[in-house]
Protein backbone atom coordinates (compact mmCIF):
# COMPACT_ATOMS: atom_id res chain seq x y z
CA MET A 1 45.64 -53.14 -110.59
CA ARG A 2 42.86 -55.35 -110.95
CA PHE A 3 41.66 -57.34 -107.57
CA LYS A 4 41.86 -60.97 -109.54
CA ASN A 5 45.78 -60.20 -109.23
CA PHE A 6 45.94 -59.50 -105.78
CA PRO A 7 47.61 -61.97 -103.89
CA LEU A 8 45.33 -64.20 -102.07
CA LYS A 9 46.46 -63.01 -98.32
CA SER A 10 45.45 -59.42 -99.79
CA LYS A 11 42.39 -60.97 -100.98
CA LEU A 12 41.30 -62.39 -97.98
CA VAL A 13 41.96 -59.60 -95.94
CA ILE A 14 39.91 -57.54 -98.20
CA TYR A 15 36.65 -59.61 -97.56
CA ILE A 16 37.62 -59.73 -94.12
CA VAL A 17 37.90 -55.74 -93.92
CA VAL A 18 34.49 -55.83 -95.80
CA GLY A 19 32.79 -58.23 -94.21
CA VAL A 20 33.39 -56.48 -90.54
CA PHE A 21 32.51 -53.49 -92.46
CA LEU A 22 28.94 -55.13 -93.23
CA ILE A 23 28.47 -56.17 -89.74
CA LEU A 24 29.43 -53.01 -87.63
CA THR A 25 26.91 -51.36 -90.32
CA VAL A 26 24.06 -53.90 -89.42
CA SER A 27 24.84 -53.63 -85.84
CA THR A 28 24.76 -50.06 -85.51
CA ALA A 29 21.84 -49.83 -87.34
CA VAL A 30 19.99 -52.53 -85.07
CA ILE A 31 21.37 -50.43 -82.21
CA ILE A 32 20.50 -47.30 -83.09
CA SER A 33 16.53 -49.03 -83.96
CA THR A 34 16.86 -50.37 -80.56
CA VAL A 35 18.08 -47.28 -78.42
CA THR A 36 15.32 -45.11 -80.48
CA SER A 37 12.52 -47.76 -79.65
CA GLN A 38 13.69 -47.88 -76.51
CA GLU A 39 13.75 -43.91 -75.88
CA GLU A 40 10.32 -43.79 -77.72
CA LYS A 41 8.94 -46.41 -75.09
CA LEU A 42 10.77 -44.80 -72.42
CA ALA A 43 8.98 -41.31 -73.55
CA TYR A 44 5.24 -42.79 -73.53
CA GLN A 45 5.88 -44.15 -70.19
CA LYS A 46 7.02 -40.88 -68.73
CA SER A 47 3.90 -39.41 -70.81
CA ILE A 48 1.30 -41.72 -69.35
CA GLU A 49 2.94 -41.47 -65.77
CA MET A 50 2.99 -37.74 -66.11
CA ALA A 51 -0.74 -37.42 -67.35
CA SER A 52 -2.00 -40.31 -64.80
CA SER A 53 -0.09 -37.93 -61.90
CA TYR A 54 -1.79 -34.97 -62.79
CA ALA A 55 -5.17 -36.45 -63.44
CA ASN A 56 -4.88 -37.99 -59.99
CA GLN A 57 -4.40 -34.62 -58.21
CA PHE A 58 -7.27 -32.56 -59.92
CA ASP A 59 -9.66 -36.07 -59.24
CA ALA A 60 -8.70 -35.63 -55.14
CA ASP A 61 -9.47 -31.66 -55.57
CA MET A 62 -12.40 -32.60 -57.46
CA LYS A 63 -13.94 -35.05 -55.14
CA GLY A 64 -12.80 -32.93 -52.26
CA SER A 65 -15.43 -30.21 -53.32
CA ARG A 66 -18.06 -32.55 -54.59
CA ALA A 67 -18.05 -33.80 -50.97
CA VAL A 68 -18.66 -29.97 -49.31
CA ALA A 69 -21.52 -29.67 -51.99
CA LYS A 70 -23.31 -33.23 -50.83
CA THR A 71 -22.75 -32.50 -47.37
CA LEU A 72 -24.10 -28.69 -48.20
CA ALA A 73 -27.14 -30.58 -49.71
CA LEU A 74 -27.63 -33.35 -46.85
CA THR A 75 -27.20 -30.47 -44.06
CA MET A 76 -30.27 -28.37 -45.74
CA GLU A 77 -32.59 -31.39 -45.90
CA ASN A 78 -32.35 -32.05 -42.45
CA TYR A 79 -32.33 -28.39 -41.14
CA LYS A 80 -35.85 -27.18 -39.30
CA ALA A 81 -34.72 -24.08 -38.28
CA SER A 82 -36.06 -21.43 -41.06
CA ASN A 83 -33.31 -18.90 -40.10
CA ARG A 84 -31.83 -17.24 -43.31
CA SER A 85 -29.29 -15.37 -41.50
CA GLU A 86 -28.37 -18.48 -40.12
CA VAL A 87 -27.94 -20.29 -43.34
CA ILE A 88 -25.77 -17.45 -44.70
CA GLY A 89 -23.67 -17.95 -41.68
CA ILE A 90 -23.00 -21.46 -42.76
CA LEU A 91 -22.17 -20.99 -46.22
CA GLU A 92 -19.46 -17.75 -44.89
CA ASN A 93 -17.83 -20.38 -43.02
CA ILE A 94 -17.50 -23.27 -45.30
CA GLN A 95 -16.25 -20.83 -47.55
CA ARG A 96 -13.83 -19.04 -45.51
CA ASN A 97 -12.34 -22.99 -44.36
CA ASN A 98 -12.11 -23.91 -48.28
CA PRO A 99 -9.92 -21.38 -49.83
CA ASN A 100 -9.70 -23.43 -53.25
CA LEU A 101 -13.33 -22.85 -53.88
CA ILE A 102 -14.68 -19.77 -55.42
CA GLY A 103 -18.21 -19.64 -54.55
CA THR A 104 -20.90 -21.74 -51.67
CA TYR A 105 -24.23 -21.19 -52.28
CA VAL A 106 -27.95 -22.57 -51.83
CA GLY A 107 -31.05 -21.42 -54.05
CA TYR A 108 -34.31 -22.60 -53.42
CA GLU A 109 -37.53 -23.22 -55.46
CA PRO A 110 -40.30 -19.99 -54.76
CA ASN A 111 -41.41 -20.07 -51.42
CA ALA A 112 -39.94 -23.33 -50.53
CA PHE A 113 -37.47 -22.21 -47.85
CA ASP A 114 -40.03 -20.85 -45.13
CA GLY A 115 -42.90 -19.61 -47.05
CA LYS A 116 -41.62 -15.77 -46.69
CA ASP A 117 -40.15 -14.81 -50.10
CA ALA A 118 -42.30 -11.62 -50.33
CA GLU A 119 -40.56 -10.34 -47.47
CA TYR A 120 -37.12 -10.61 -48.66
CA VAL A 121 -37.53 -9.07 -51.73
CA ASN A 122 -34.40 -7.04 -52.95
CA THR A 123 -32.84 -7.44 -49.24
CA PHE A 124 -29.37 -8.92 -48.35
CA GLY A 125 -28.56 -11.62 -50.61
CA HIS A 126 -32.05 -11.71 -52.24
CA ASP A 127 -32.90 -11.01 -55.59
CA ALA A 128 -36.43 -9.00 -56.88
CA THR A 129 -37.98 -12.38 -56.19
CA GLY A 130 -37.63 -12.56 -52.41
CA ARG A 131 -36.18 -16.27 -53.19
CA PHE A 132 -33.67 -17.64 -50.84
CA VAL A 133 -30.62 -17.72 -53.16
CA PRO A 134 -27.60 -17.05 -51.49
CA TYR A 135 -24.47 -16.87 -53.07
CA CYS A 136 -21.45 -16.76 -50.97
CA ASN A 137 -18.35 -15.72 -53.06
CA ASN A 138 -14.67 -14.24 -53.30
CA ILE A 139 -14.88 -13.36 -56.72
CA LYS A 140 -13.44 -9.63 -55.83
CA GLY A 141 -10.91 -11.23 -53.66
CA ARG A 142 -13.11 -11.12 -50.53
CA ILE A 143 -15.99 -13.26 -48.74
CA MET A 144 -19.30 -11.54 -49.78
CA VAL A 145 -22.65 -12.85 -50.18
CA ALA A 146 -25.16 -12.17 -53.36
CA PRO A 147 -28.14 -13.61 -55.11
CA LEU A 148 -27.34 -16.35 -57.36
CA MET A 149 -27.71 -15.12 -60.80
CA ARG A 150 -29.62 -16.78 -64.12
CA TYR A 151 -30.59 -19.87 -62.15
CA ASN A 152 -33.95 -20.45 -64.23
CA SER A 153 -31.43 -20.83 -67.18
CA SER A 154 -28.51 -22.39 -66.21
CA ASP A 155 -27.13 -25.67 -65.97
CA TYR A 156 -25.79 -25.50 -62.20
CA TYR A 157 -29.64 -24.94 -61.05
CA GLN A 158 -31.65 -26.63 -63.75
CA LEU A 159 -29.92 -30.11 -64.50
CA PRO A 160 -29.90 -30.77 -60.49
CA LYS A 161 -33.99 -29.86 -60.92
CA ALA A 162 -34.44 -32.49 -63.79
CA ARG A 163 -32.19 -35.10 -63.05
CA GLY A 164 -32.62 -35.10 -59.17
CA GLU A 165 -29.35 -36.23 -58.65
CA ASP A 166 -25.36 -34.49 -58.41
CA VAL A 167 -24.20 -32.99 -61.23
CA LEU A 168 -20.76 -31.70 -61.93
CA THR A 169 -21.17 -28.98 -64.85
CA GLU A 170 -19.45 -28.46 -68.50
CA PRO A 171 -17.30 -25.65 -67.45
CA TYR A 172 -18.31 -22.20 -67.71
CA PHE A 173 -18.12 -18.55 -67.47
CA TYR A 174 -19.73 -17.11 -64.50
CA GLU A 175 -19.15 -13.17 -63.70
CA GLY A 176 -15.82 -13.40 -65.50
CA ILE A 177 -14.58 -16.08 -63.74
CA PHE A 178 -13.86 -19.99 -65.51
CA MET A 179 -15.35 -22.43 -63.56
CA VAL A 180 -17.34 -25.51 -63.02
CA SER A 181 -19.94 -26.56 -60.53
CA HIS A 182 -20.42 -29.48 -57.84
CA VAL A 183 -24.39 -29.20 -57.02
CA SER A 184 -26.81 -31.38 -55.30
CA PRO A 185 -30.43 -31.19 -55.18
CA ILE A 186 -31.99 -30.65 -52.18
CA PHE A 187 -35.48 -32.43 -51.26
CA ARG A 188 -38.39 -32.28 -48.53
CA ASP A 189 -40.70 -35.57 -48.15
CA GLY A 190 -39.19 -36.78 -51.61
CA LYS A 191 -39.82 -33.11 -53.18
CA PHE A 192 -37.14 -31.06 -55.35
CA VAL A 193 -37.10 -27.93 -53.11
CA GLY A 194 -33.56 -26.19 -54.13
CA ILE A 195 -30.20 -26.82 -54.40
CA GLY A 196 -26.83 -26.94 -52.32
CA GLY A 197 -23.56 -25.95 -54.51
CA VAL A 198 -20.04 -24.79 -54.74
CA ASP A 199 -17.94 -23.43 -57.70
CA VAL A 200 -14.47 -24.28 -58.06
CA PRO A 201 -12.21 -22.25 -60.09
CA LEU A 202 -10.28 -23.56 -63.29
CA GLU A 203 -7.51 -20.98 -63.45
CA TYR A 204 -5.58 -22.98 -60.87
CA VAL A 205 -6.14 -25.91 -63.34
CA ASP A 206 -4.45 -23.90 -66.35
CA GLU A 207 -1.32 -22.78 -63.90
CA VAL A 208 -0.52 -26.16 -63.13
CA VAL A 209 -0.88 -27.77 -66.40
CA SER A 210 0.82 -24.52 -68.34
CA LYS A 211 3.87 -25.49 -66.19
CA VAL A 212 4.44 -28.84 -67.55
CA ARG A 213 7.21 -29.66 -70.30
CA ALA A 214 7.45 -32.85 -71.67
CA PHE A 215 11.21 -33.50 -72.83
CA ASP A 216 12.08 -29.83 -73.79
CA THR A 217 9.96 -28.69 -76.49
CA GLY A 218 6.68 -30.90 -75.68
CA TYR A 219 4.03 -29.11 -73.79
CA ALA A 220 0.69 -30.24 -72.13
CA PHE A 221 -3.15 -28.95 -72.69
CA MET A 222 -6.11 -30.07 -70.94
CA VAL A 223 -9.73 -30.85 -72.32
CA SER A 224 -13.22 -31.44 -70.60
CA ASN A 225 -15.19 -34.57 -71.32
CA THR A 226 -17.01 -32.56 -74.42
CA GLY A 227 -13.95 -31.30 -75.80
CA VAL A 228 -13.87 -27.77 -73.65
CA LEU A 229 -10.24 -26.60 -73.34
CA LEU A 230 -9.20 -26.01 -69.78
CA SER A 231 -5.62 -25.12 -70.41
CA HIS A 232 -3.33 -23.96 -72.90
CA PRO A 233 0.47 -22.91 -72.37
CA THR A 234 0.09 -19.95 -74.67
CA ARG A 235 -3.39 -19.49 -76.34
CA LYS A 236 -5.19 -18.51 -73.34
CA ASP A 237 -7.97 -16.60 -75.73
CA TRP A 238 -8.84 -20.39 -76.52
CA ILE A 239 -9.55 -21.74 -73.14
CA GLY A 240 -13.38 -21.87 -72.52
CA LYS A 241 -13.60 -22.76 -76.52
CA LYS A 242 -14.55 -26.39 -77.89
CA LEU A 243 -11.54 -27.72 -79.97
CA SER A 244 -14.24 -28.25 -82.80
CA MET A 245 -14.81 -24.26 -82.64
CA ILE A 246 -10.79 -23.73 -82.21
CA LEU A 247 -10.15 -25.93 -85.37
CA ILE A 248 -12.62 -23.45 -87.21
CA LEU A 249 -10.81 -20.24 -85.73
CA LYS A 250 -7.42 -21.65 -87.19
CA LYS A 251 -8.41 -22.10 -90.40
């Protein structure tokens, strides 16, 4: 039976049913699109809030560490006693009271502390130069004092010396520890004589960020300003490498 032979009443019913079906179809599509758009917006907003929360947390930690380094440098600028043992005691006290730090130190130019470097060659907290470069740290799990290493070439010493200003280094490995350093220059009569600094381990950053889960299947990772990977939940071997190098390794 063809459609044109349907009674008028039947035709009207079919028109109405088809019309309602089309309206429902369009409405459903609009609703799905709206819900999807809202979910995407909520997901994006939640991601932004999560990133901001962790960024604020790490920023607060870094500001605290920077303040310790700055205070140490200012203290040494006004220190007149020239007592090496006393200064090492100050460093040990700072390290003991700041468990978030992996190391606390001062490093002086040759004979800039008391003019007696020759008397301290290879003694406690000194290297073969006798320079006053004590590094108080708990790299091995307990507080110990050793001379700073590679200060003639490393950013933690050379950057504040060259710039004459506070420095936050790029992440780097020191004695097997992935860290950043907050370092402030020490001046005497307007002349650079050394540095005061603290080291912050980045292991805790990886531990915190690696636990972040976004919407069940997503995860978080962190990079430095210059693209050095600071944290990744699964590829720990990538940490410390630049993203450009990681992309080459993945190819």
